[in-house]
């Protein structure tokens, strides 16, 4: 019989999201992106 070793499972690539934190997460745009001289902004200042 050969030698055998117990292997540990690989860790998850990303942590699972916390279901309690979903209600408090938000994104606020601080400036137009990209700037208007490059292309029309995708995100505009003041959007949530």
PDB file of N, CA and C in Angstrom:
ATOM      1  N   UNK A   1       0.838  -1.175   0.000  1.00  0.00           N
ATOM      2  CA  UNK A   1       0.000   0.000   0.000  1.00  0.00           C
ATOM      3  C   UNK A   1       0.885   1.242   0.000  1.00  0.00           C
ATOM      4  N   UNK A   2       0.430   2.279  -0.709  1.00  0.00           N
ATOM      5  CA  UNK A   2       1.209   3.502  -0.794  1.00  0.00           C
ATOM      6  C   UNK A   2       0.827   4.498   0.292  1.00  0.00           C
ATOM      7  N   UNK A   3       1.639   5.497   0.396  1.00  0.00           N
ATOM      8  CA  UNK A   3       1.340   6.565   1.358  1.00  0.00           C
ATOM      9  C   UNK A   3       0.267   7.481   0.780  1.00  0.00           C
ATOM     10  N   UNK A   4      -0.596   7.985   1.642  1.00  0.00           N
ATOM     11  CA  UNK A   4      -1.609   8.942   1.198  1.00  0.00           C
ATOM     12  C   UNK A   4      -1.627  10.122   2.157  1.00  0.00           C
ATOM     13  N   UNK A   5      -1.955  11.282   1.601  1.00  0.00           N
ATOM     14  CA  UNK A   5      -2.011  12.491   2.414  1.00  0.00           C
ATOM     15  C   UNK A   5      -3.387  13.120   2.247  1.00  0.00           C
ATOM     16  N   UNK A   6      -3.898  13.643   3.336  1.00  0.00           N
ATOM     17  CA  UNK A   6      -5.187  14.325   3.285  1.00  0.00           C
ATOM     18  C   UNK A   6      -4.962  15.734   2.747  1.00  0.00           C
ATOM     19  N   UNK A   7      -5.719  16.107   1.717  1.00  0.00           N
ATOM     20  CA  UNK A   7      -5.570  17.452   1.157  1.00  0.00           C
ATOM     21  C   UNK A   7      -6.674  18.354   1.699  1.00  0.00           C
ATOM     22  N   UNK A   8      -6.349  19.635   1.822  1.00  0.00           N
ATOM     23  CA  UNK A   8      -7.343  20.601   2.287  1.00  0.00           C
ATOM     24  C   UNK A   8      -8.054  21.195   1.077  1.00  0.00           C
ATOM     25  N   UNK A   9      -9.329  21.524   1.209  1.00  0.00           N
ATOM     26  CA  UNK A   9     -10.049  22.119   0.075  1.00  0.00           C
ATOM     27  C   UNK A   9      -9.499  23.508  -0.240  1.00  0.00           C
ATOM     28  N   UNK A  10      -9.593  23.888  -1.496  1.00  0.00           N
ATOM     29  CA  UNK A  10      -9.116  25.206  -1.925  1.00  0.00           C
ATOM     30  C   UNK A  10     -10.014  26.290  -1.330  1.00  0.00           C
ATOM     31  N   UNK A  11      -9.436  27.419  -0.909  1.00  0.00           N
ATOM     32  CA  UNK A  11     -10.266  28.500  -0.362  1.00  0.00           C
ATOM     33  C   UNK A  11     -11.126  29.125  -1.458  1.00  0.00           C
ATOM     34  N   UNK A  12     -12.237  29.701  -1.051  1.00  0.00           N
ATOM     35  CA  UNK A  12     -13.124  30.373  -2.005  1.00  0.00           C
ATOM     36  C   UNK A  12     -12.388  31.550  -2.629  1.00  0.00           C
ATOM     37  N   UNK A  13     -12.662  31.825  -3.911  1.00  0.00           N
ATOM     38  CA  UNK A  13     -11.978  32.916  -4.602  1.00  0.00           C
ATOM     39  C   UNK A  13     -12.371  34.270  -4.035  1.00  0.00           C
ATOM     40  N   UNK A  14     -13.630  34.449  -3.730  1.00  0.00           N
ATOM     41  CA  UNK A  14     -14.116  35.707  -3.166  1.00  0.00           C
ATOM     42  C   UNK A  14     -14.928  35.407  -1.916  1.00  0.00           C
ATOM     43  N   UNK A  15     -14.878  36.282  -0.928  1.00  0.00           N
ATOM     44  CA  UNK A  15     -15.750  36.058   0.236  1.00  0.00           C
ATOM     45  C   UNK A  15     -17.211  36.237  -0.162  1.00  0.00           C
ATOM     46  N   UNK A  16     -18.070  35.497   0.480  1.00  0.00           N
ATOM     47  CA  UNK A  16     -19.498  35.603   0.187  1.00  0.00           C
ATOM     48  C   UNK A  16     -20.023  36.939   0.696  1.00  0.00           C
ATOM     49  N   UNK A  17     -20.923  37.573  -0.048  1.00  0.00           N
ATOM     50  CA  UNK A  17     -21.456  38.861   0.409  1.00  0.00           C
ATOM     51  C   UNK A  17     -22.279  38.692   1.674  1.00  0.00           C
ATOM     52  N   UNK A  18     -22.233  39.690   2.507  1.00  0.00           N
ATOM     53  CA  UNK A  18     -23.004  39.685   3.733  1.00  0.00           C
ATOM     54  C   UNK A  18     -24.428  40.124   3.409  1.00  0.00           C
ATOM     55  N   UNK A  19     -25.435  39.266   3.608  1.00  0.00           N
ATOM     56  CA  UNK A  19     -26.806  39.645   3.246  1.00  0.00           C
ATOM     57  C   UNK A  19     -27.319  40.832   4.056  1.00  0.00           C
ATOM     58  N   UNK A  20     -26.772  41.073   5.250  1.00  0.00           N
ATOM     59  CA  UNK A  20     -27.228  42.193   6.068  1.00  0.00           C
ATOM     60  C   UNK A  20     -26.708  43.525   5.532  1.00  0.00           C
ATOM     61  N   UNK A  21     -25.591  43.539   4.795  1.00  0.00           N
ATOM     62  CA  UNK A  21     -24.986  44.777   4.333  1.00  0.00           C
ATOM     63  C   UNK A  21     -25.547  45.290   3.026  1.00  0.00           C
ATOM     64  N   UNK A  22     -26.420  44.550   2.365  1.00  0.00           N
ATOM     65  CA  UNK A  22     -26.917  44.960   1.056  1.00  0.00           C
ATOM     66  C   UNK A  22     -27.768  46.223   1.117  1.00  0.00           C
ATOM     67  N   UNK A  23     -28.525  46.419   2.188  1.00  0.00           N
ATOM     68  CA  UNK A  23     -29.407  47.577   2.272  1.00  0.00           C
ATOM     69  C   UNK A  23     -28.644  48.874   2.507  1.00  0.00           C
ATOM     70  N   UNK A  24     -27.461  48.803   3.116  1.00  0.00           N
ATOM     71  CA  UNK A  24     -26.744  50.027   3.455  1.00  0.00           C
ATOM     72  C   UNK A  24     -25.704  50.412   2.410  1.00  0.00           C
ATOM     73  N   UNK A  25     -25.489  49.604   1.390  1.00  0.00           N
ATOM     74  CA  UNK A  25     -24.494  49.916   0.364  1.00  0.00           C
ATOM     75  C   UNK A  25     -25.066  50.905  -0.642  1.00  0.00           C
ATOM     76  N   UNK A  26     -24.264  51.913  -1.024  1.00  0.00           N
ATOM     77  CA  UNK A  26     -24.687  52.843  -2.066  1.00  0.00           C
ATOM     78  C   UNK A  26     -23.461  53.394  -2.769  1.00  0.00           C
ATOM     79  N   UNK A  27     -23.678  53.956  -3.927  1.00  0.00           N
ATOM     80  CA  UNK A  27     -22.620  54.556  -4.729  1.00  0.00           C
ATOM     81  C   UNK A  27     -23.031  55.981  -5.049  1.00  0.00           C
ATOM     82  N   UNK A  28     -22.153  56.927  -4.764  1.00  0.00           N
ATOM     83  CA  UNK A  28     -22.409  58.329  -5.093  1.00  0.00           C
ATOM     84  C   UNK A  28     -21.340  58.788  -6.069  1.00  0.00           C
ATOM     85  N   UNK A  29     -21.754  59.413  -7.163  1.00  0.00           N
ATOM     86  CA  UNK A  29     -20.814  59.888  -8.178  1.00  0.00           C
ATOM     87  C   UNK A  29     -20.332  61.275  -7.778  1.00  0.00           C
ATOM     88  N   UNK A  30     -19.007  61.441  -7.653  1.00  0.00           N
ATOM     89  CA  UNK A  30     -18.436  62.711  -7.222  1.00  0.00           C
ATOM     90  C   UNK A  30     -18.069  63.620  -8.385  1.00  0.00           C
ATOM     91  N   UNK A  31     -17.845  63.050  -9.554  1.00  0.00           N
ATOM     92  CA  UNK A  31     -17.553  63.866 -10.734  1.00  0.00           C
ATOM     93  C   UNK A  31     -17.970  63.097 -11.978  1.00  0.00           C
ATOM     94  N   UNK A  32     -18.203  63.820 -13.080  1.00  0.00           N
ATOM     95  CA  UNK A  32     -18.605  63.174 -14.329  1.00  0.00           C
ATOM     96  C   UNK A  32     -17.485  62.250 -14.802  1.00  0.00           C
ATOM     97  N   UNK A  33     -17.835  61.041 -15.227  1.00  0.00           N
ATOM     98  CA  UNK A  33     -16.836  60.091 -15.713  1.00  0.00           C
ATOM     99  C   UNK A  33     -17.333  59.446 -16.982  1.00  0.00           C
ATOM    100  N   UNK A  34     -16.577  59.360 -18.021  1.00  0.00           N
ATOM    101  CA  UNK A  34     -15.339  60.101 -18.291  1.00  0.00           C
ATOM    102  C   UNK A  34     -15.657  61.569 -18.545  1.00  0.00           C
ATOM    103  N   UNK A  35     -14.643  62.383 -18.595  1.00  0.00           N
ATOM    104  CA  UNK A  35     -14.872  63.818 -18.767  1.00  0.00           C
ATOM    105  C   UNK A  35     -15.526  64.086 -20.124  1.00  0.00           C
ATOM    106  N   UNK A  36     -16.348  65.135 -20.212  1.00  0.00           N
ATOM    107  CA  UNK A  36     -17.096  65.422 -21.446  1.00  0.00           C
ATOM    108  C   UNK A  36     -16.222  65.646 -22.675  1.00  0.00           C
ATOM    109  N   UNK A  37     -14.962  66.076 -22.499  1.00  0.00           N
ATOM    110  CA  UNK A  37     -14.115  66.293 -23.675  1.00  0.00           C
ATOM    111  C   UNK A  37     -13.624  64.982 -24.283  1.00  0.00           C
ATOM    112  N   UNK A  38     -13.724  63.862 -23.548  1.00  0.00           N
ATOM    113  CA  UNK A  38     -13.329  62.552 -24.084  1.00  0.00           C
ATOM    114  C   UNK A  38     -14.529  61.873 -24.746  1.00  0.00           C
ATOM    115  N   UNK A  39     -15.647  61.794 -24.037  1.00  0.00           N
ATOM    116  CA  UNK A  39     -16.874  61.183 -24.558  1.00  0.00           C
ATOM    117  C   UNK A  39     -18.036  61.596 -23.657  1.00  0.00           C
ATOM    118  N   UNK A  40     -19.270  61.336 -24.061  1.00  0.00           N
ATOM    119  CA  UNK A  40     -20.391  61.656 -23.170  1.00  0.00           C
ATOM    120  C   UNK A  40     -20.245  60.892 -21.853  1.00  0.00           C
ATOM    121  N   UNK A  41     -20.469  61.555 -20.715  1.00  0.00           N
ATOM    122  CA  UNK A  41     -20.289  60.888 -19.420  1.00  0.00           C
ATOM    123  C   UNK A  41     -21.221  59.688 -19.253  1.00  0.00           C
ATOM    124  N   UNK A  42     -20.676  58.619 -18.710  1.00  0.00           N
ATOM    125  CA  UNK A  42     -21.466  57.434 -18.380  1.00  0.00           C
ATOM    126  C   UNK A  42     -22.186  57.686 -17.058  1.00  0.00           C
ATOM    127  N   UNK A  43     -21.447  58.257 -16.111  1.00  0.00           N
ATOM    128  CA  UNK A  43     -21.988  58.607 -14.805  1.00  0.00           C
ATOM    129  C   UNK A  43     -21.948  60.123 -14.676  1.00  0.00           C
ATOM    130  N   UNK A  44     -23.011  60.709 -14.190  1.00  0.00           N
ATOM    131  CA  UNK A  44     -23.059  62.164 -14.035  1.00  0.00           C
ATOM    132  C   UNK A  44     -23.026  62.535 -12.557  1.00  0.00           C
ATOM    133  N   UNK A  45     -22.479  63.701 -12.276  1.00  0.00           N
ATOM    134  CA  UNK A  45     -22.333  64.182 -10.907  1.00  0.00           C
ATOM    135  C   UNK A  45     -23.695  64.220 -10.221  1.00  0.00           C
ATOM    136  N   UNK A  46     -23.727  63.722  -8.992  1.00  0.00           N
ATOM    137  CA  UNK A  46     -24.949  63.746  -8.194  1.00  0.00           C
ATOM    138  C   UNK A  46     -25.822  62.516  -8.340  1.00  0.00           C
ATOM    139  N   UNK A  47     -25.529  61.615  -9.287  1.00  0.00           N
ATOM    140  CA  UNK A  47     -26.335  60.400  -9.430  1.00  0.00           C
ATOM    141  C   UNK A  47     -26.031  59.450  -8.289  1.00  0.00           C
ATOM    142  N   UNK A  48     -27.020  58.658  -7.943  1.00  0.00           N
ATOM    143  CA  UNK A  48     -26.825  57.620  -6.931  1.00  0.00           C
ATOM    144  C   UNK A  48     -27.060  56.288  -7.577  1.00  0.00           C
TER     145      UNK A  48
END
